[in-house]
Amino acid sequence: MTDHRLTATQAAVSVLLNDIADRFKPGAKLTLVVRNPTAEAAGKDADFVMTNDTLDEAIAALQRRKDAKR
């Protein structure tokens, strides 16, 4: 993704995440993860992650969800 395209995407996603955040209690943490498995398989950097949390805390939340489904 070019720098301009990345900046434009971040701006657009920020607006949408703020709209989503308004539906939750104040202080809610949001994390958006977009993956492109085809590009990943080709060895390209294809992940887009945007969060108002730390990555460690976001990963911990995903792990809790994964563990709960077992």
PDB file of N, CA and C in Angstrom:
ATOM      1  N   MET A   1       0.864  -1.170   0.000  1.00  0.00           N
ATOM      2  CA  MET A   1       0.000   0.000   0.000  1.00  0.00           C
ATOM      3  C   MET A   1       0.908   1.231   0.000  1.00  0.00           C
ATOM      4  N   THR A   2       0.619   2.170  -0.851  1.00  0.00           N
ATOM      5  CA  THR A   2       1.430   3.388  -0.908  1.00  0.00           C
ATOM      6  C   THR A   2       1.183   4.235   0.336  1.00  0.00           C
ATOM      7  N   ASP A   3       2.121   5.120   0.638  1.00  0.00           N
ATOM      8  CA  ASP A   3       1.966   5.985   1.817  1.00  0.00           C
ATOM      9  C   ASP A   3       0.681   6.796   1.749  1.00  0.00           C
ATOM     10  N   HIS A   4       0.365   7.344   0.559  1.00  0.00           N
ATOM     11  CA  HIS A   4      -0.856   8.143   0.403  1.00  0.00           C
ATOM     12  C   HIS A   4      -2.092   7.275   0.620  1.00  0.00           C
ATOM     13  N   ARG A   5      -2.086   6.089   0.045  1.00  0.00           N
ATOM     14  CA  ARG A   5      -3.238   5.194   0.177  1.00  0.00           C
ATOM     15  C   ARG A   5      -3.390   4.742   1.637  1.00  0.00           C
ATOM     16  N   LEU A   6      -2.278   4.460   2.291  1.00  0.00           N
ATOM     17  CA  LEU A   6      -2.324   4.060   3.695  1.00  0.00           C
ATOM     18  C   LEU A   6      -2.883   5.181   4.561  1.00  0.00           C
ATOM     19  N   THR A   7      -2.429   6.394   4.343  1.00  0.00           N
ATOM     20  CA  THR A   7      -2.915   7.546   5.109  1.00  0.00           C
ATOM     21  C   THR A   7      -4.407   7.754   4.880  1.00  0.00           C
ATOM     22  N   ALA A   8      -4.846   7.643   3.641  1.00  0.00           N
ATOM     23  CA  ALA A   8      -6.268   7.808   3.325  1.00  0.00           C
ATOM     24  C   ALA A   8      -7.103   6.691   3.965  1.00  0.00           C
ATOM     25  N   THR A   9      -6.577   5.473   3.941  1.00  0.00           N
ATOM     26  CA  THR A   9      -7.278   4.345   4.550  1.00  0.00           C
ATOM     27  C   THR A   9      -7.373   4.526   6.057  1.00  0.00           C
ATOM     28  N   GLN A  10      -6.284   4.939   6.680  1.00  0.00           N
ATOM     29  CA  GLN A  10      -6.298   5.170   8.125  1.00  0.00           C
ATOM     30  C   GLN A  10      -7.322   6.238   8.502  1.00  0.00           C
ATOM     31  N   ALA A  11      -7.414   7.293   7.718  1.00  0.00           N
ATOM     32  CA  ALA A  11      -8.368   8.366   8.003  1.00  0.00           C
ATOM     33  C   ALA A  11      -9.806   7.855   7.887  1.00  0.00           C
ATOM     34  N   ALA A  12     -10.088   7.108   6.841  1.00  0.00           N
ATOM     35  CA  ALA A  12     -11.445   6.581   6.637  1.00  0.00           C
ATOM     36  C   ALA A  12     -11.811   5.576   7.725  1.00  0.00           C
ATOM     37  N   VAL A  13     -10.890   4.696   8.064  1.00  0.00           N
ATOM     38  CA  VAL A  13     -11.142   3.695   9.099  1.00  0.00           C
ATOM     39  C   VAL A  13     -11.327   4.363  10.459  1.00  0.00           C
ATOM     40  N   SER A  14     -10.573   5.394  10.725  1.00  0.00           N
ATOM     41  CA  SER A  14     -10.684   6.108  11.993  1.00  0.00           C
ATOM     42  C   SER A  14     -12.101   6.640  12.199  1.00  0.00           C
ATOM     43  N   VAL A  15     -12.673   7.211  11.174  1.00  0.00           N
ATOM     44  CA  VAL A  15     -14.043   7.725  11.263  1.00  0.00           C
ATOM     45  C   VAL A  15     -15.010   6.588  11.583  1.00  0.00           C
ATOM     46  N   LEU A  16     -14.858   5.472  10.897  1.00  0.00           N
ATOM     47  CA  LEU A  16     -15.757   4.335  11.109  1.00  0.00           C
ATOM     48  C   LEU A  16     -15.569   3.732  12.503  1.00  0.00           C
ATOM     49  N   LEU A  17     -14.327   3.602  12.948  1.00  0.00           N
ATOM     50  CA  LEU A  17     -14.093   3.065  14.288  1.00  0.00           C
ATOM     51  C   LEU A  17     -14.651   3.989  15.367  1.00  0.00           C
ATOM     52  N   ASN A  18     -14.569   5.287  15.157  1.00  0.00           N
ATOM     53  CA  ASN A  18     -15.161   6.226  16.114  1.00  0.00           C
ATOM     54  C   ASN A  18     -16.671   6.053  16.168  1.00  0.00           C
ATOM     55  N   ASP A  19     -17.308   5.833  15.018  1.00  0.00           N
ATOM     56  CA  ASP A  19     -18.754   5.588  14.998  1.00  0.00           C
ATOM     57  C   ASP A  19     -19.107   4.312  15.757  1.00  0.00           C
ATOM     58  N   ILE A  20     -18.298   3.279  15.584  1.00  0.00           N
ATOM     59  CA  ILE A  20     -18.528   2.021  16.296  1.00  0.00           C
ATOM     60  C   ILE A  20     -18.299   2.223  17.795  1.00  0.00           C
ATOM     61  N   ALA A  21     -17.249   2.933  18.155  1.00  0.00           N
ATOM     62  CA  ALA A  21     -16.926   3.160  19.571  1.00  0.00           C
ATOM     63  C   ALA A  21     -18.070   3.852  20.299  1.00  0.00           C
ATOM     64  N   ASP A  22     -18.791   4.715  19.602  1.00  0.00           N
ATOM     65  CA  ASP A  22     -19.907   5.429  20.214  1.00  0.00           C
ATOM     66  C   ASP A  22     -21.017   4.495  20.680  1.00  0.00           C
ATOM     67  N   ARG A  23     -21.038   3.266  20.193  1.00  0.00           N
ATOM     68  CA  ARG A  23     -22.077   2.293  20.555  1.00  0.00           C
ATOM     69  C   ARG A  23     -21.721   1.496  21.816  1.00  0.00           C
ATOM     70  N   PHE A  24     -20.519   1.723  22.342  1.00  0.00           N
ATOM     71  CA  PHE A  24     -20.043   1.001  23.517  1.00  0.00           C
ATOM     72  C   PHE A  24     -19.794   1.975  24.659  1.00  0.00           C
ATOM     73  N   LYS A  25     -19.555   1.423  25.822  1.00  0.00           N
ATOM     74  CA  LYS A  25     -19.251   2.248  26.981  1.00  0.00           C
ATOM     75  C   LYS A  25     -17.950   3.004  26.743  1.00  0.00           C
ATOM     76  N   PRO A  26     -17.832   4.197  27.337  1.00  0.00           N
ATOM     77  CA  PRO A  26     -16.581   4.951  27.204  1.00  0.00           C
ATOM     78  C   PRO A  26     -15.382   4.114  27.648  1.00  0.00           C
ATOM     79  N   GLY A  27     -14.313   4.242  26.928  1.00  0.00           N
ATOM     80  CA  GLY A  27     -13.093   3.508  27.254  1.00  0.00           C
ATOM     81  C   GLY A  27     -12.950   2.183  26.527  1.00  0.00           C
ATOM     82  N   ALA A  28     -13.975   1.820  25.749  1.00  0.00           N
ATOM     83  CA  ALA A  28     -13.882   0.558  25.001  1.00  0.00           C
ATOM     84  C   ALA A  28     -12.697   0.621  24.040  1.00  0.00           C
ATOM     85  N   LYS A  29     -12.038  -0.509  23.896  1.00  0.00           N
ATOM     86  CA  LYS A  29     -10.897  -0.608  22.990  1.00  0.00           C
ATOM     87  C   LYS A  29     -11.346  -1.305  21.715  1.00  0.00           C
ATOM     88  N   LEU A  30     -10.922  -0.759  20.586  1.00  0.00           N
ATOM     89  CA  LEU A  30     -11.280  -1.321  19.287  1.00  0.00           C
ATOM     90  C   LEU A  30     -10.019  -1.682  18.519  1.00  0.00           C
ATOM     91  N   THR A  31     -10.077  -2.801  17.849  1.00  0.00           N
ATOM     92  CA  THR A  31      -8.968  -3.232  17.019  1.00  0.00           C
ATOM     93  C   THR A  31      -9.535  -3.794  15.725  1.00  0.00           C
ATOM     94  N   LEU A  32      -9.035  -3.293  14.623  1.00  0.00           N
ATOM     95  CA  LEU A  32      -9.411  -3.802  13.307  1.00  0.00           C
ATOM     96  C   LEU A  32      -8.199  -4.504  12.721  1.00  0.00           C
ATOM     97  N   VAL A  33      -8.402  -5.749  12.309  1.00  0.00           N
ATOM     98  CA  VAL A  33      -7.344  -6.520  11.662  1.00  0.00           C
ATOM     99  C   VAL A  33      -7.860  -6.930  10.296  1.00  0.00           C
ATOM    100  N   VAL A  34      -7.114  -6.564   9.272  1.00  0.00           N
ATOM    101  CA  VAL A  34      -7.451  -6.957   7.907  1.00  0.00           C
ATOM    102  C   VAL A  34      -6.277  -7.776   7.390  1.00  0.00           C
ATOM    103  N   ARG A  35      -6.576  -8.988   6.932  1.00  0.00           N
ATOM    104  CA  ARG A  35      -5.541  -9.876   6.410  1.00  0.00           C
ATOM    105  C   ARG A  35      -5.841 -10.208   4.953  1.00  0.00           C
ATOM    106  N   ASN A  36      -4.798 -10.416   4.201  1.00  0.00           N
ATOM    107  CA  ASN A  36      -4.922 -10.885   2.827  1.00  0.00           C
ATOM    108  C   ASN A  36      -4.087 -12.155   2.720  1.00  0.00           C
ATOM    109  N   PRO A  37      -4.697 -13.322   2.982  1.00  0.00           N
ATOM    110  CA  PRO A  37      -3.935 -14.571   2.994  1.00  0.00           C
ATOM    111  C   PRO A  37      -3.198 -14.852   1.680  1.00  0.00           C
ATOM    112  N   THR A  38      -3.744 -14.423   0.565  1.00  0.00           N
ATOM    113  CA  THR A  38      -3.079 -14.644  -0.717  1.00  0.00           C
ATOM    114  C   THR A  38      -1.754 -13.903  -0.762  1.00  0.00           C
ATOM    115  N   ALA A  39      -1.751 -12.669  -0.318  1.00  0.00           N
ATOM    116  CA  ALA A  39      -0.514 -11.886  -0.302  1.00  0.00           C
ATOM    117  C   ALA A  39       0.450 -12.430   0.746  1.00  0.00           C
ATOM    118  N   GLU A  40      -0.091 -12.879   1.884  1.00  0.00           N
ATOM    119  CA  GLU A  40       0.761 -13.457   2.921  1.00  0.00           C
ATOM    120  C   GLU A  40       1.502 -14.667   2.381  1.00  0.00           C
ATOM    121  N   ALA A  41       0.787 -15.506   1.631  1.00  0.00           N
ATOM    122  CA  ALA A  41       1.406 -16.704   1.063  1.00  0.00           C
ATOM    123  C   ALA A  41       2.511 -16.339   0.082  1.00  0.00           C
ATOM    124  N   ALA A  42       2.390 -15.174  -0.539  1.00  0.00           N
ATOM    125  CA  ALA A  42       3.399 -14.725  -1.494  1.00  0.00           C
ATOM    126  C   ALA A  42       4.553 -13.998  -0.793  1.00  0.00           C
ATOM    127  N   GLY A  43       4.497 -13.914   0.533  1.00  0.00           N
ATOM    128  CA  GLY A  43       5.566 -13.281   1.284  1.00  0.00           C
ATOM    129  C   GLY A  43       5.494 -11.767   1.320  1.00  0.00           C
ATOM    130  N   LYS A  44       4.335 -11.217   0.993  1.00  0.00           N
ATOM    131  CA  LYS A  44       4.167  -9.765   1.010  1.00  0.00           C
ATOM    132  C   LYS A  44       3.576  -9.323   2.342  1.00  0.00           C
ATOM    133  N   ASP A  45       3.884  -8.096   2.742  1.00  0.00           N
ATOM    134  CA  ASP A  45       3.319  -7.523   3.955  1.00  0.00           C
ATOM    135  C   ASP A  45       1.900  -7.081   3.624  1.00  0.00           C
ATOM    136  N   ALA A  46       0.932  -7.866   4.072  1.00  0.00           N
ATOM    137  CA  ALA A  46      -0.439  -7.620   3.654  1.00  0.00           C
ATOM    138  C   ALA A  46      -1.385  -7.326   4.803  1.00  0.00           C
ATOM    139  N   ASP A  47      -0.866  -7.186   6.000  1.00  0.00           N
ATOM    140  CA  ASP A  47      -1.722  -6.962   7.157  1.00  0.00           C
ATOM    141  C   ASP A  47      -1.970  -5.479   7.381  1.00  0.00           C
ATOM    142  N   PHE A  48      -3.193  -5.163   7.811  1.00  0.00           N
ATOM    143  CA  PHE A  48      -3.546  -3.813   8.226  1.00  0.00           C
ATOM    144  C   PHE A  48      -4.130  -3.948   9.621  1.00  0.00           C
ATOM    145  N   VAL A  49      -3.513  -3.308  10.591  1.00  0.00           N
ATOM    146  CA  VAL A  49      -4.001  -3.337  11.969  1.00  0.00           C
ATOM    147  C   VAL A  49      -4.106  -1.903  12.455  1.00  0.00           C
ATOM    148  N   MET A  50      -5.286  -1.579  12.979  1.00  0.00           N
ATOM    149  CA  MET A  50      -5.492  -0.250  13.544  1.00  0.00           C
ATOM    150  C   MET A  50      -6.198  -0.445  14.874  1.00  0.00           C
ATOM    151  N   THR A  51      -5.639   0.156  15.931  1.00  0.00           N
ATOM    152  CA  THR A  51      -6.185  -0.066  17.258  1.00  0.00           C
ATOM    153  C   THR A  51      -5.973   1.157  18.145  1.00  0.00           C
ATOM    154  N   ASN A  52      -6.843   1.284  19.140  1.00  0.00           N
ATOM    155  CA  ASN A  52      -6.624   2.284  20.181  1.00  0.00           C
ATOM    156  C   ASN A  52      -6.191   1.585  21.466  1.00  0.00           C
ATOM    157  N   ASP A  53      -5.713   0.364  21.314  1.00  0.00           N
ATOM    158  CA  ASP A  53      -5.256  -0.483  22.405  1.00  0.00           C
ATOM    159  C   ASP A  53      -3.786  -0.817  22.154  1.00  0.00           C
ATOM    160  N   THR A  54      -3.172  -1.528  23.062  1.00  0.00           N
ATOM    161  CA  THR A  54      -1.841  -2.046  22.767  1.00  0.00           C
ATOM    162  C   THR A  54      -2.016  -3.351  21.990  1.00  0.00           C
ATOM    163  N   LEU A  55      -1.064  -3.676  21.168  1.00  0.00           N
ATOM    164  CA  LEU A  55      -1.161  -4.926  20.419  1.00  0.00           C
ATOM    165  C   LEU A  55      -1.190  -6.128  21.360  1.00  0.00           C
ATOM    166  N   ASP A  56      -0.426  -6.078  22.442  1.00  0.00           N
ATOM    167  CA  ASP A  56      -0.433  -7.188  23.396  1.00  0.00           C
ATOM    168  C   ASP A  56      -1.822  -7.414  23.985  1.00  0.00           C
ATOM    169  N   GLU A  57      -2.502  -6.348  24.359  1.00  0.00           N
ATOM    170  CA  GLU A  57      -3.857  -6.484  24.923  1.00  0.00           C
ATOM    171  C   GLU A  57      -4.851  -6.962  23.859  1.00  0.00           C
ATOM    172  N   ALA A  58      -4.719  -6.473  22.638  1.00  0.00           N
ATOM    173  CA  ALA A  58      -5.603  -6.920  21.553  1.00  0.00           C
ATOM    174  C   ALA A  58      -5.390  -8.404  21.282  1.00  0.00           C
ATOM    175  N   ILE A  59      -4.137  -8.834  21.261  1.00  0.00           N
ATOM    176  CA  ILE A  59      -3.828 -10.248  21.047  1.00  0.00           C
ATOM    177  C   ILE A  59      -4.390 -11.093  22.185  1.00  0.00           C
ATOM    178  N   ALA A  60      -4.268 -10.612  23.412  1.00  0.00           N
ATOM    179  CA  ALA A  60      -4.811 -11.338  24.563  1.00  0.00           C
ATOM    180  C   ALA A  60      -6.327 -11.496  24.440  1.00  0.00           C
ATOM    181  N   ALA A  61      -7.013 -10.467  23.972  1.00  0.00           N
ATOM    182  CA  ALA A  61      -8.468 -10.549  23.788  1.00  0.00           C
ATOM    183  C   ALA A  61      -8.816 -11.584  22.722  1.00  0.00           C
ATOM    184  N   LEU A  62      -8.071 -11.591  21.636  1.00  0.00           N
ATOM    185  CA  LEU A  62      -8.308 -12.598  20.592  1.00  0.00           C
ATOM    186  C   LEU A  62      -8.054 -14.001  21.119  1.00  0.00           C
ATOM    187  N   GLN A  63      -7.012 -14.156  21.911  1.00  0.00           N
ATOM    188  CA  GLN A  63      -6.709 -15.470  22.476  1.00  0.00           C
ATOM    189  C   GLN A  63      -7.828 -15.921  23.413  1.00  0.00           C
ATOM    190  N   ARG A  64      -8.374 -14.996  24.223  1.00  0.00           N
ATOM    191  CA  ARG A  64      -9.499 -15.355  25.101  1.00  0.00           C
ATOM    192  C   ARG A  64     -10.692 -15.826  24.287  1.00  0.00           C
ATOM    193  N   ARG A  65     -10.983 -15.151  23.184  1.00  0.00           N
ATOM    194  CA  ARG A  65     -12.099 -15.547  22.336  1.00  0.00           C
ATOM    195  C   ARG A  65     -11.846 -16.935  21.722  1.00  0.00           C
ATOM    196  N   LYS A  66     -10.613 -17.150  21.307  1.00  0.00           N
ATOM    197  CA  LYS A  66     -10.239 -18.442  20.732  1.00  0.00           C
ATOM    198  C   LYS A  66     -10.392 -19.551  21.777  1.00  0.00           C
ATOM    199  N   ASP A  67      -9.878 -19.309  22.976  1.00  0.00           N
ATOM    200  CA  ASP A  67      -9.962 -20.306  24.046  1.00  0.00           C
ATOM    201  C   ASP A  67     -11.413 -20.588  24.435  1.00  0.00           C
ATOM    202  N   ALA A  68     -12.263 -19.579  24.395  1.00  0.00           N
ATOM    203  CA  ALA A  68     -13.669 -19.751  24.768  1.00  0.00           C
ATOM    204  C   ALA A  68     -14.423 -20.624  23.768  1.00  0.00           C
ATOM    205  N   LYS A  69     -13.935 -20.706  22.542  1.00  0.00           N
ATOM    206  CA  LYS A  69     -14.608 -21.505  21.515  1.00  0.00           C
ATOM    207  C   LYS A  69     -14.188 -22.959  21.537  1.00  0.00           C
ATOM    208  N   ARG A  70     -13.211 -23.299  22.363  1.00  0.00           N
ATOM    209  CA  ARG A  70     -12.744 -24.700  22.430  1.00  0.00           C
ATOM    210  C   ARG A  70     -13.657 -25.557  23.232  1.00  0.00           C
TER     211      ARG A  70
END
